[in-house]
Structure formats: structure tokens, C-alpha cells
Amino acid sequence: MNAIMIVCTCPHESATEIARQIVHQKLAACVNIVPSVQSIYRWHDAVEETKEALLMIKTTSNCYDTLEQEIFKLHPYENPEILAMPIAQGSELYLQWLLTSCLP
């Protein structure tokens, strides 16, 4: 079981509910909500520009599959951004808390 961080953008009105649900279900130990990011992206062959919230989700690799499914259920986008990155280093005390705060 490895600590990972997932980034996920979403509409502002969805951010708090997604974060609460995944922490409540022990799919994440912590979610930071960065309240405003500006995203510029290509969608259906057009360049789009949207103000969104950014979720920084701290979890474990064991939780990833279930967490991804839950994000798809809660997220209003057809194709939400869900990118997982390994946490290579961090405070031992914090990482131990993270690993014990998520489902085994």
C-alpha cells in the first residue's frame, strides 16, 4: 500500500460534496480544495476555458479503483480529470496517519 495524491478538477459547486463523500467513505484521508483554477482545454474539437476548483486528494494506491468509481458517480463531467501521482517522500508521521486513515 503506497501513498498517492490524486488531482481532480470540478465545478465549484461540486467540490465540497465530492471531498466530503470520499473522506467519509475512507477512500481518502484528506482533500484540499483549491477554490479557483482557470482551465484551458480542448473538448469536442473546441478550445474551452472554465473556472474550476482543484481537489488535491491524499489516499492510498489500494483505494484508487474504488475512489475513481466514486468520483465518476459524484462528478458532473462526462470525463473528469483524475490523475494519480505517487508520494515519494513526506513526514513519516503524516504518511503513517494517511495510510491508517484510508480503508485497508
PDB file of N, CA and C in Angstrom:
ATOM      1  N   MET A   1       0.860  -1.177   0.000  1.00  0.00           N
ATOM      2  CA  MET A   1       0.000   0.000   0.000  1.00  0.00           C
ATOM      3  C   MET A   1       0.897   1.228   0.000  1.00  0.00           C
ATOM      4  N   ASN A   2       0.727   2.067  -1.027  1.00  0.00           N
ATOM      5  CA  ASN A   2       1.535   3.268  -1.181  1.00  0.00           C
ATOM      6  C   ASN A   2       0.664   4.509  -1.090  1.00  0.00           C
ATOM      7  N   ALA A   3       1.233   5.575  -0.554  1.00  0.00           N
ATOM      8  CA  ALA A   3       0.539   6.858  -0.513  1.00  0.00           C
ATOM      9  C   ALA A   3       0.577   7.480  -1.910  1.00  0.00           C
ATOM     10  N   ILE A   4      -0.563   7.993  -2.338  1.00  0.00           N
ATOM     11  CA  ILE A   4      -0.655   8.684  -3.620  1.00  0.00           C
ATOM     12  C   ILE A   4      -1.455   9.970  -3.443  1.00  0.00           C
ATOM     13  N   MET A   5      -1.277  10.891  -4.391  1.00  0.00           N
ATOM     14  CA  MET A   5      -2.100  12.090  -4.428  1.00  0.00           C
ATOM     15  C   MET A   5      -2.800  12.125  -5.783  1.00  0.00           C
ATOM     16  N   ILE A   6      -4.085  12.369  -5.738  1.00  0.00           N
ATOM     17  CA  ILE A   6      -4.887  12.478  -6.948  1.00  0.00           C
ATOM     18  C   ILE A   6      -5.294  13.935  -7.119  1.00  0.00           C
ATOM     19  N   VAL A   7      -5.155  14.443  -8.320  1.00  0.00           N
ATOM     20  CA  VAL A   7      -5.691  15.765  -8.623  1.00  0.00           C
ATOM     21  C   VAL A   7      -6.921  15.585  -9.498  1.00  0.00           C
ATOM     22  N   CYS A   8      -7.906  16.411  -9.213  1.00  0.00           N
ATOM     23  CA  CYS A   8      -9.180  16.325  -9.923  1.00  0.00           C
ATOM     24  C   CYS A   8      -9.787  17.724  -9.960  1.00  0.00           C
ATOM     25  N   THR A   9     -10.084  18.220 -11.139  1.00  0.00           N
ATOM     26  CA  THR A   9     -10.777  19.494 -11.240  1.00  0.00           C
ATOM     27  C   THR A   9     -12.274  19.237 -11.318  1.00  0.00           C
ATOM     28  N   CYS A  10     -13.049  20.205 -10.825  1.00  0.00           N
ATOM     29  CA  CYS A  10     -14.501  20.065 -10.843  1.00  0.00           C
ATOM     30  C   CYS A  10     -15.140  21.450 -10.716  1.00  0.00           C
ATOM     31  N   PRO A  11     -16.439  21.538 -11.000  1.00  0.00           N
ATOM     32  CA  PRO A  11     -17.126  22.805 -10.775  1.00  0.00           C
ATOM     33  C   PRO A  11     -17.101  23.157  -9.285  1.00  0.00           C
ATOM     34  N   HIS A  12     -17.054  24.449  -8.988  1.00  0.00           N
ATOM     35  CA  HIS A  12     -17.010  24.895  -7.589  1.00  0.00           C
ATOM     36  C   HIS A  12     -18.138  24.279  -6.768  1.00  0.00           C
ATOM     37  N   GLU A  13     -19.332  24.218  -7.341  1.00  0.00           N
ATOM     38  CA  GLU A  13     -20.494  23.749  -6.586  1.00  0.00           C
ATOM     39  C   GLU A  13     -20.439  22.254  -6.273  1.00  0.00           C
ATOM     40  N   SER A  14     -19.546  21.514  -6.904  1.00  0.00           N
ATOM     41  CA  SER A  14     -19.410  20.068  -6.646  1.00  0.00           C
ATOM     42  C   SER A  14     -18.262  19.730  -5.705  1.00  0.00           C
ATOM     43  N   ALA A  15     -17.325  20.631  -5.527  1.00  0.00           N
ATOM     44  CA  ALA A  15     -16.069  20.324  -4.841  1.00  0.00           C
ATOM     45  C   ALA A  15     -16.264  19.838  -3.407  1.00  0.00           C
ATOM     46  N   THR A  16     -17.021  20.559  -2.615  1.00  0.00           N
ATOM     47  CA  THR A  16     -17.170  20.208  -1.202  1.00  0.00           C
ATOM     48  C   THR A  16     -17.876  18.868  -1.031  1.00  0.00           C
ATOM     49  N   GLU A  17     -18.904  18.626  -1.813  1.00  0.00           N
ATOM     50  CA  GLU A  17     -19.645  17.364  -1.692  1.00  0.00           C
ATOM     51  C   GLU A  17     -18.780  16.174  -2.096  1.00  0.00           C
ATOM     52  N   ILE A  18     -18.020  16.301  -3.178  1.00  0.00           N
ATOM     53  CA  ILE A  18     -17.123  15.211  -3.583  1.00  0.00           C
ATOM     54  C   ILE A  18     -16.114  14.952  -2.475  1.00  0.00           C
ATOM     55  N   ALA A  19     -15.493  16.009  -1.949  1.00  0.00           N
ATOM     56  CA  ALA A  19     -14.487  15.856  -0.898  1.00  0.00           C
ATOM     57  C   ALA A  19     -15.084  15.203   0.343  1.00  0.00           C
ATOM     58  N   ARG A  20     -16.231  15.679   0.781  1.00  0.00           N
ATOM     59  CA  ARG A  20     -16.858  15.102   1.985  1.00  0.00           C
ATOM     60  C   ARG A  20     -17.183  13.627   1.808  1.00  0.00           C
ATOM     61  N   GLN A  21     -17.733  13.277   0.670  1.00  0.00           N
ATOM     62  CA  GLN A  21     -18.141  11.891   0.439  1.00  0.00           C
ATOM     63  C   GLN A  21     -16.954  10.937   0.446  1.00  0.00           C
ATOM     64  N   ILE A  22     -15.879  11.306  -0.233  1.00  0.00           N
ATOM     65  CA  ILE A  22     -14.761  10.359  -0.324  1.00  0.00           C
ATOM     66  C   ILE A  22     -13.998  10.259   0.998  1.00  0.00           C
ATOM     67  N   VAL A  23     -13.955  11.337   1.792  1.00  0.00           N
ATOM     68  CA  VAL A  23     -13.334  11.244   3.116  1.00  0.00           C
ATOM     69  C   VAL A  23     -14.243  10.450   4.045  1.00  0.00           C
ATOM     70  N   HIS A  24     -15.540  10.713   3.992  1.00  0.00           N
ATOM     71  CA  HIS A  24     -16.496   9.984   4.843  1.00  0.00           C
ATOM     72  C   HIS A  24     -16.420   8.470   4.597  1.00  0.00           C
ATOM     73  N   GLN A  25     -16.239   8.093   3.326  1.00  0.00           N
ATOM     74  CA  GLN A  25     -16.173   6.673   2.971  1.00  0.00           C
ATOM     75  C   GLN A  25     -14.783   6.063   3.189  1.00  0.00           C
ATOM     76  N   LYS A  26     -13.864   6.846   3.730  1.00  0.00           N
ATOM     77  CA  LYS A  26     -12.482   6.415   3.985  1.00  0.00           C
ATOM     78  C   LYS A  26     -11.742   6.038   2.712  1.00  0.00           C
ATOM     79  N   LEU A  27     -12.135   6.665   1.609  1.00  0.00           N
ATOM     80  CA  LEU A  27     -11.416   6.473   0.356  1.00  0.00           C
ATOM     81  C   LEU A  27     -10.263   7.459   0.237  1.00  0.00           C
ATOM     82  N   ALA A  28     -10.259   8.469   1.088  1.00  0.00           N
ATOM     83  CA  ALA A  28      -9.179   9.451   1.158  1.00  0.00           C
ATOM     84  C   ALA A  28      -9.018   9.872   2.604  1.00  0.00           C
ATOM     85  N   ALA A  29      -7.778  10.193   2.971  1.00  0.00           N
ATOM     86  CA  ALA A  29      -7.516  10.689   4.319  1.00  0.00           C
ATOM     87  C   ALA A  29      -7.805  12.182   4.399  1.00  0.00           C
ATOM     88  N   CYS A  30      -7.566  12.888   3.302  1.00  0.00           N
ATOM     89  CA  CYS A  30      -7.688  14.345   3.299  1.00  0.00           C
ATOM     90  C   CYS A  30      -7.899  14.817   1.865  1.00  0.00           C
ATOM     91  N   VAL A  31      -8.703  15.852   1.715  1.00  0.00           N
ATOM     92  CA  VAL A  31      -8.865  16.503   0.413  1.00  0.00           C
ATOM     93  C   VAL A  31      -8.711  17.996   0.636  1.00  0.00           C
ATOM     94  N   ASN A  32      -7.757  18.596  -0.061  1.00  0.00           N
ATOM     95  CA  ASN A  32      -7.630  20.046  -0.070  1.00  0.00           C
ATOM     96  C   ASN A  32      -8.384  20.567  -1.284  1.00  0.00           C
ATOM     97  N   ILE A  33      -9.156  21.616  -1.068  1.00  0.00           N
ATOM     98  CA  ILE A  33      -9.888  22.244  -2.176  1.00  0.00           C
ATOM     99  C   ILE A  33      -9.227  23.580  -2.476  1.00  0.00           C
ATOM    100  N   VAL A  34      -8.615  23.670  -3.633  1.00  0.00           N
ATOM    101  CA  VAL A  34      -8.073  24.940  -4.113  1.00  0.00           C
ATOM    102  C   VAL A  34      -9.229  25.605  -4.839  1.00  0.00           C
ATOM    103  N   PRO A  35      -9.732  26.723  -4.301  1.00  0.00           N
ATOM    104  CA  PRO A  35     -11.029  27.221  -4.751  1.00  0.00           C
ATOM    105  C   PRO A  35     -11.103  27.745  -6.174  1.00  0.00           C
ATOM    106  N   SER A  36      -9.980  28.121  -6.769  1.00  0.00           N
ATOM    107  CA  SER A  36     -10.123  28.693  -8.107  1.00  0.00           C
ATOM    108  C   SER A  36      -8.899  28.428  -8.968  1.00  0.00           C
ATOM    109  N   VAL A  37      -9.115  27.651 -10.000  1.00  0.00           N
ATOM    110  CA  VAL A  37      -8.112  27.461 -11.044  1.00  0.00           C
ATOM    111  C   VAL A  37      -8.794  27.755 -12.369  1.00  0.00           C
ATOM    112  N   GLN A  38      -8.033  28.249 -13.294  1.00  0.00           N
ATOM    113  CA  GLN A  38      -8.571  28.500 -14.627  1.00  0.00           C
ATOM    114  C   GLN A  38      -8.047  27.409 -15.536  1.00  0.00           C
ATOM    115  N   SER A  39      -8.932  26.666 -16.144  1.00  0.00           N
ATOM    116  CA  SER A  39      -8.552  25.555 -17.010  1.00  0.00           C
ATOM    117  C   SER A  39      -8.830  25.928 -18.463  1.00  0.00           C
ATOM    118  N   ILE A  40      -7.855  25.680 -19.310  1.00  0.00           N
ATOM    119  CA  ILE A  40      -7.994  25.869 -20.749  1.00  0.00           C
ATOM    120  C   ILE A  40      -7.685  24.517 -21.375  1.00  0.00           C
ATOM    121  N   TYR A  41      -8.634  24.000 -22.145  1.00  0.00           N
ATOM    122  CA  TYR A  41      -8.506  22.624 -22.632  1.00  0.00           C
ATOM    123  C   TYR A  41      -9.278  22.459 -23.940  1.00  0.00           C
ATOM    124  N   ARG A  42      -8.960  21.376 -24.623  1.00  0.00           N
ATOM    125  CA  ARG A  42      -9.681  21.047 -25.861  1.00  0.00           C
ATOM    126  C   ARG A  42     -10.754  20.029 -25.525  1.00  0.00           C
ATOM    127  N   TRP A  43     -11.989  20.281 -25.948  1.00  0.00           N
ATOM    128  CA  TRP A  43     -13.098  19.356 -25.712  1.00  0.00           C
ATOM    129  C   TRP A  43     -14.003  19.383 -26.926  1.00  0.00           C
ATOM    130  N   HIS A  44     -14.263  18.211 -27.488  1.00  0.00           N
ATOM    131  CA  HIS A  44     -15.096  18.089 -28.695  1.00  0.00           C
ATOM    132  C   HIS A  44     -14.620  19.050 -29.783  1.00  0.00           C
ATOM    133  N   ASP A  45     -13.316  19.052 -29.998  1.00  0.00           N
ATOM    134  CA  ASP A  45     -12.662  19.819 -31.055  1.00  0.00           C
ATOM    135  C   ASP A  45     -12.804  21.333 -30.918  1.00  0.00           C
ATOM    136  N   ALA A  46     -13.052  21.811 -29.718  1.00  0.00           N
ATOM    137  CA  ALA A  46     -13.101  23.255 -29.465  1.00  0.00           C
ATOM    138  C   ALA A  46     -12.239  23.559 -28.238  1.00  0.00           C
ATOM    139  N   VAL A  47     -11.650  24.733 -28.226  1.00  0.00           N
ATOM    140  CA  VAL A  47     -10.883  25.160 -27.063  1.00  0.00           C
ATOM    141  C   VAL A  47     -11.849  25.797 -26.070  1.00  0.00           C
ATOM    142  N   GLU A  48     -11.857  25.254 -24.860  1.00  0.00           N
ATOM    143  CA  GLU A  48     -12.760  25.716 -23.797  1.00  0.00           C
ATOM    144  C   GLU A  48     -11.947  26.398 -22.705  1.00  0.00           C
ATOM    145  N   GLU A  49     -12.609  27.261 -21.949  1.00  0.00           N
ATOM    146  CA  GLU A  49     -11.979  27.934 -20.823  1.00  0.00           C
ATOM    147  C   GLU A  49     -12.986  27.976 -19.682  1.00  0.00           C
ATOM    148  N   THR A  50     -12.590  27.428 -18.519  1.00  0.00           N
ATOM    149  CA  THR A  50     -13.523  27.275 -17.406  1.00  0.00           C
ATOM    150  C   THR A  50     -12.826  27.580 -16.094  1.00  0.00           C
ATOM    151  N   LYS A  51     -13.523  28.238 -15.190  1.00  0.00           N
ATOM    152  CA  LYS A  51     -13.035  28.403 -13.815  1.00  0.00           C
ATOM    153  C   LYS A  51     -13.548  27.205 -13.015  1.00  0.00           C
ATOM    154  N   GLU A  52     -12.633  26.530 -12.335  1.00  0.00           N
ATOM    155  CA  GLU A  52     -12.966  25.310 -11.611  1.00  0.00           C
ATOM    156  C   GLU A  52     -12.306  25.327 -10.234  1.00  0.00           C
ATOM    157  N   ALA A  53     -12.662  24.359  -9.425  1.00  0.00           N
ATOM    158  CA  ALA A  53     -11.954  24.078  -8.174  1.00  0.00           C
ATOM    159  C   ALA A  53     -11.019  22.906  -8.447  1.00  0.00           C
ATOM    160  N   LEU A  54      -9.932  22.845  -7.695  1.00  0.00           N
ATOM    161  CA  LEU A  54      -8.980  21.742  -7.804  1.00  0.00           C
ATOM    162  C   LEU A  54      -8.996  20.955  -6.508  1.00  0.00           C
ATOM    163  N   LEU A  55      -9.235  19.661  -6.620  1.00  0.00           N
ATOM    164  CA  LEU A  55      -9.189  18.770  -5.466  1.00  0.00           C
ATOM    165  C   LEU A  55      -7.819  18.113  -5.427  1.00  0.00           C
ATOM    166  N   MET A  56      -7.157  18.203  -4.272  1.00  0.00           N
ATOM    167  CA  MET A  56      -5.888  17.509  -4.035  1.00  0.00           C
ATOM    168  C   MET A  56      -6.204  16.422  -3.014  1.00  0.00           C
ATOM    169  N   ILE A  57      -6.306  15.195  -3.508  1.00  0.00           N
ATOM    170  CA  ILE A  57      -6.818  14.072  -2.727  1.00  0.00           C
ATOM    171  C   ILE A  57      -5.643  13.203  -2.278  1.00  0.00           C
ATOM    172  N   LYS A  58      -5.483  13.058  -0.953  1.00  0.00           N
ATOM    173  CA  LYS A  58      -4.430  12.197  -0.413  1.00  0.00           C
ATOM    174  C   LYS A  58      -5.052  10.869  -0.018  1.00  0.00           C
ATOM    175  N   THR A  59      -4.521   9.789  -0.601  1.00  0.00           N
ATOM    176  CA  THR A  59      -5.105   8.465  -0.415  1.00  0.00           C
ATOM    177  C   THR A  59      -4.022   7.406  -0.579  1.00  0.00           C
ATOM    178  N   THR A  60      -4.454   6.165  -0.775  1.00  0.00           N
ATOM    179  CA  THR A  60      -3.512   5.066  -0.990  1.00  0.00           C
ATOM    180  C   THR A  60      -3.801   4.398  -2.330  1.00  0.00           C
ATOM    181  N   SER A  61      -2.788   3.710  -2.818  1.00  0.00           N
ATOM    182  CA  SER A  61      -2.953   3.003  -4.093  1.00  0.00           C
ATOM    183  C   SER A  61      -4.036   1.925  -3.985  1.00  0.00           C
ATOM    184  N   ASN A  62      -4.212   1.341  -2.807  1.00  0.00           N
ATOM    185  CA  ASN A  62      -5.255   0.320  -2.618  1.00  0.00           C
ATOM    186  C   ASN A  62      -6.656   0.887  -2.803  1.00  0.00           C
ATOM    187  N   CYS A  63      -6.838   2.161  -2.526  1.00  0.00           N
ATOM    188  CA  CYS A  63      -8.161   2.794  -2.627  1.00  0.00           C
ATOM    189  C   CYS A  63      -8.458   3.324  -4.026  1.00  0.00           C
ATOM    190  N   TYR A  64      -7.442   3.355  -4.895  1.00  0.00           N
ATOM    191  CA  TYR A  64      -7.608   4.069  -6.166  1.00  0.00           C
ATOM    192  C   TYR A  64      -8.823   3.627  -6.977  1.00  0.00           C
ATOM    193  N   ASP A  65      -8.973   2.350  -7.237  1.00  0.00           N
ATOM    194  CA  ASP A  65     -10.050   1.891  -8.126  1.00  0.00           C
ATOM    195  C   ASP A  65     -11.432   2.281  -7.601  1.00  0.00           C
ATOM    196  N   THR A  66     -11.661   2.055  -6.315  1.00  0.00           N
ATOM    197  CA  THR A  66     -12.957   2.403  -5.727  1.00  0.00           C
ATOM    198  C   THR A  66     -13.146   3.920  -5.701  1.00  0.00           C
ATOM    199  N   LEU A  67     -12.078   4.638  -5.401  1.00  0.00           N
ATOM    200  CA  LEU A  67     -12.138   6.103  -5.389  1.00  0.00           C
ATOM    201  C   LEU A  67     -12.462   6.649  -6.775  1.00  0.00           C
ATOM    202  N   GLU A  68     -11.832   6.110  -7.792  1.00  0.00           N
ATOM    203  CA  GLU A  68     -12.130   6.552  -9.166  1.00  0.00           C
ATOM    204  C   GLU A  68     -13.606   6.320  -9.497  1.00  0.00           C
ATOM    205  N   GLN A  69     -14.124   5.162  -9.151  1.00  0.00           N
ATOM    206  CA  GLN A  69     -15.545   4.876  -9.403  1.00  0.00           C
ATOM    207  C   GLN A  69     -16.450   5.870  -8.676  1.00  0.00           C
ATOM    208  N   GLU A  70     -16.086   6.196  -7.439  1.00  0.00           N
ATOM    209  CA  GLU A  70     -16.895   7.135  -6.655  1.00  0.00           C
ATOM    210  C   GLU A  70     -16.842   8.543  -7.253  1.00  0.00           C
ATOM    211  N   ILE A  71     -15.677   8.956  -7.713  1.00  0.00           N
ATOM    212  CA  ILE A  71     -15.579  10.268  -8.364  1.00  0.00           C
ATOM    213  C   ILE A  71     -16.470  10.289  -9.602  1.00  0.00           C
ATOM    214  N   PHE A  72     -16.442   9.238 -10.398  1.00  0.00           N
ATOM    215  CA  PHE A  72     -17.304   9.189 -11.585  1.00  0.00           C
ATOM    216  C   PHE A  72     -18.782   9.275 -11.200  1.00  0.00           C
ATOM    217  N   LYS A  73     -19.173   8.676 -10.073  1.00  0.00           N
ATOM    218  CA  LYS A  73     -20.576   8.749  -9.637  1.00  0.00           C
ATOM    219  C   LYS A  73     -20.957  10.160  -9.190  1.00  0.00           C
ATOM    220  N   LEU A  74     -20.048  10.850  -8.500  1.00  0.00           N
ATOM    221  CA  LEU A  74     -20.354  12.145  -7.911  1.00  0.00           C
ATOM    222  C   LEU A  74     -20.092  13.328  -8.835  1.00  0.00           C
ATOM    223  N   HIS A  75     -19.219  13.159  -9.787  1.00  0.00           N
ATOM    224  CA  HIS A  75     -18.740  14.257 -10.630  1.00  0.00           C
ATOM    225  C   HIS A  75     -19.719  14.543 -11.765  1.00  0.00           C
ATOM    226  N   PRO A  76     -19.996  15.808 -12.034  1.00  0.00           N
ATOM    227  CA  PRO A  76     -20.952  16.116 -13.102  1.00  0.00           C
ATOM    228  C   PRO A  76     -20.384  16.022 -14.520  1.00  0.00           C
ATOM    229  N   TYR A  77     -19.067  15.964 -14.660  1.00  0.00           N
ATOM    230  CA  TYR A  77     -18.480  15.926 -16.002  1.00  0.00           C
ATOM    231  C   TYR A  77     -18.572  14.518 -16.596  1.00  0.00           C
ATOM    232  N   GLU A  78     -18.690  14.473 -17.892  1.00  0.00           N
ATOM    233  CA  GLU A  78     -18.681  13.209 -18.630  1.00  0.00           C
ATOM    234  C   GLU A  78     -17.323  12.512 -18.519  1.00  0.00           C
ATOM    235  N   ASN A  79     -16.250  13.305 -18.498  1.00  0.00           N
ATOM    236  CA  ASN A  79     -14.896  12.765 -18.475  1.00  0.00           C
ATOM    237  C   ASN A  79     -14.049  13.577 -17.484  1.00  0.00           C
ATOM    238  N   PRO A  80     -14.212  13.335 -16.180  1.00  0.00           N
ATOM    239  CA  PRO A  80     -13.474  14.136 -15.207  1.00  0.00           C
ATOM    240  C   PRO A  80     -11.978  13.845 -15.236  1.00  0.00           C
ATOM    241  N   GLU A  81     -11.219  14.878 -14.923  1.00  0.00           N
ATOM    242  CA  GLU A  81      -9.771  14.725 -14.776  1.00  0.00           C
ATOM    243  C   GLU A  81      -9.505  13.979 -13.467  1.00  0.00           C
ATOM    244  N   ILE A  82      -8.835  12.841 -13.559  1.00  0.00           N
ATOM    245  CA  ILE A  82      -8.438  12.071 -12.382  1.00  0.00           C
ATOM    246  C   ILE A  82      -7.015  11.594 -12.658  1.00  0.00           C
ATOM    247  N   LEU A  83      -6.054  12.233 -12.016  1.00  0.00           N
ATOM    248  CA  LEU A  83      -4.649  11.904 -12.235  1.00  0.00           C
ATOM    249  C   LEU A  83      -4.007  11.542 -10.904  1.00  0.00           C
ATOM    250  N   ALA A  84      -3.407  10.369 -10.817  1.00  0.00           N
ATOM    251  CA  ALA A  84      -2.767   9.903  -9.581  1.00  0.00           C
ATOM    252  C   ALA A  84      -1.255   9.991  -9.712  1.00  0.00           C
ATOM    253  N   MET A  85      -0.633  10.473  -8.631  1.00  0.00           N
ATOM    254  CA  MET A  85       0.824  10.586  -8.580  1.00  0.00           C
ATOM    255  C   MET A  85       1.320   9.957  -7.293  1.00  0.00           C
ATOM    256  N   PRO A  86       2.421   9.221  -7.353  1.00  0.00           N
ATOM    257  CA  PRO A  86       2.966   8.655  -6.123  1.00  0.00           C
ATOM    258  C   PRO A  86       3.506   9.766  -5.221  1.00  0.00           C
ATOM    259  N   ILE A  87       3.379   9.576  -3.928  1.00  0.00           N
ATOM    260  CA  ILE A  87       4.004  10.476  -2.969  1.00  0.00           C
ATOM    261  C   ILE A  87       5.347   9.840  -2.622  1.00  0.00           C
ATOM    262  N   ALA A  88       6.419  10.419  -3.123  1.00  0.00           N
ATOM    263  CA  ALA A  88       7.746   9.831  -2.976  1.00  0.00           C
ATOM    264  C   ALA A  88       8.309  10.010  -1.571  1.00  0.00           C
ATOM    265  N   GLN A  89       8.023  11.151  -0.944  1.00  0.00           N
ATOM    266  CA  GLN A  89       8.538  11.429   0.386  1.00  0.00           C
ATOM    267  C   GLN A  89       7.564  12.321   1.123  1.00  0.00           C
ATOM    268  N   GLY A  90       7.677  12.312   2.440  1.00  0.00           N
ATOM    269  CA  GLY A  90       6.862  13.177   3.271  1.00  0.00           C
ATOM    270  C   GLY A  90       7.157  12.898   4.730  1.00  0.00           C
ATOM    271  N   SER A  91       6.586  13.683   5.566  1.00  0.00           N
ATOM    272  CA  SER A  91       6.737  13.487   7.004  1.00  0.00           C
ATOM    273  C   SER A  91       6.277  12.080   7.360  1.00  0.00           C
ATOM    274  N   GLU A  92       7.112  11.339   8.044  1.00  0.00           N
ATOM    275  CA  GLU A  92       6.766   9.966   8.428  1.00  0.00           C
ATOM    276  C   GLU A  92       5.467   9.927   9.240  1.00  0.00           C
ATOM    277  N   LEU A  93       5.322  10.872  10.157  1.00  0.00           N
ATOM    278  CA  LEU A  93       4.123  10.925  10.994  1.00  0.00           C
ATOM    279  C   LEU A  93       2.876  11.180  10.141  1.00  0.00           C
ATOM    280  N   TYR A  94       2.973  12.130   9.195  1.00  0.00           N
ATOM    281  CA  TYR A  94       1.838  12.427   8.317  1.00  0.00           C
ATOM    282  C   TYR A  94       1.506  11.229   7.435  1.00  0.00           C
ATOM    283  N   LEU A  95       2.522  10.607   6.849  1.00  0.00           N
ATOM    284  CA  LEU A  95       2.266   9.475   5.956  1.00  0.00           C
ATOM    285  C   LEU A  95       1.668   8.293   6.713  1.00  0.00           C
ATOM    286  N   GLN A  96       2.096   8.065   7.939  1.00  0.00           N
ATOM    287  CA  GLN A  96       1.503   6.991   8.740  1.00  0.00           C
ATOM    288  C   GLN A  96       0.026   7.278   8.996  1.00  0.00           C
ATOM    289  N   TRP A  97      -0.290   8.548   9.326  1.00  0.00           N
ATOM    290  CA  TRP A  97      -1.685   8.944   9.528  1.00  0.00           C
ATOM    291  C   TRP A  97      -2.486   8.714   8.251  1.00  0.00           C
ATOM    292  N   LEU A  98      -1.922   9.121   7.102  1.00  0.00           N
ATOM    293  CA  LEU A  98      -2.610   8.955   5.818  1.00  0.00           C
ATOM    294  C   LEU A  98      -2.920   7.473   5.587  1.00  0.00           C
ATOM    295  N   LEU A  99      -1.929   6.624   5.755  1.00  0.00           N
ATOM    296  CA  LEU A  99      -2.113   5.202   5.475  1.00  0.00           C
ATOM    297  C   LEU A  99      -3.128   4.542   6.406  1.00  0.00           C
ATOM    298  N   THR A 100      -3.220   5.015   7.641  1.00  0.00           N
ATOM    299  CA  THR A 100      -4.176   4.413   8.572  1.00  0.00           C
ATOM    300  C   THR A 100      -5.558   5.056   8.513  1.00  0.00           C
ATOM    301  N   SER A 101      -5.681   6.160   7.784  1.00  0.00           N
ATOM    302  CA  SER A 101      -6.979   6.856   7.685  1.00  0.00           C
ATOM    303  C   SER A 101      -7.830   6.377   6.517  1.00  0.00           C
ATOM    304  N   CYS A 102      -7.234   5.601   5.638  1.00  0.00           N
ATOM    305  CA  CYS A 102      -7.953   5.085   4.469  1.00  0.00           C
ATOM    306  C   CYS A 102      -8.291   3.608   4.690  1.00  0.00           C
ATOM    307  N   LEU A 103      -9.256   3.124   3.933  1.00  0.00           N
ATOM    308  CA  LEU A 103      -9.593   1.706   4.010  1.00  0.00           C
ATOM    309  C   LEU A 103      -8.385   0.843   3.714  1.00  0.00           C
ATOM    310  N   PRO A 104      -8.264  -0.306   4.356  1.00  0.00           N
ATOM    311  CA  PRO A 104      -7.107  -1.190   4.087  1.00  0.00           C
ATOM    312  C   PRO A 104      -7.206  -1.828   2.716  1.00  0.00           C
TER     313      PRO A 104
END
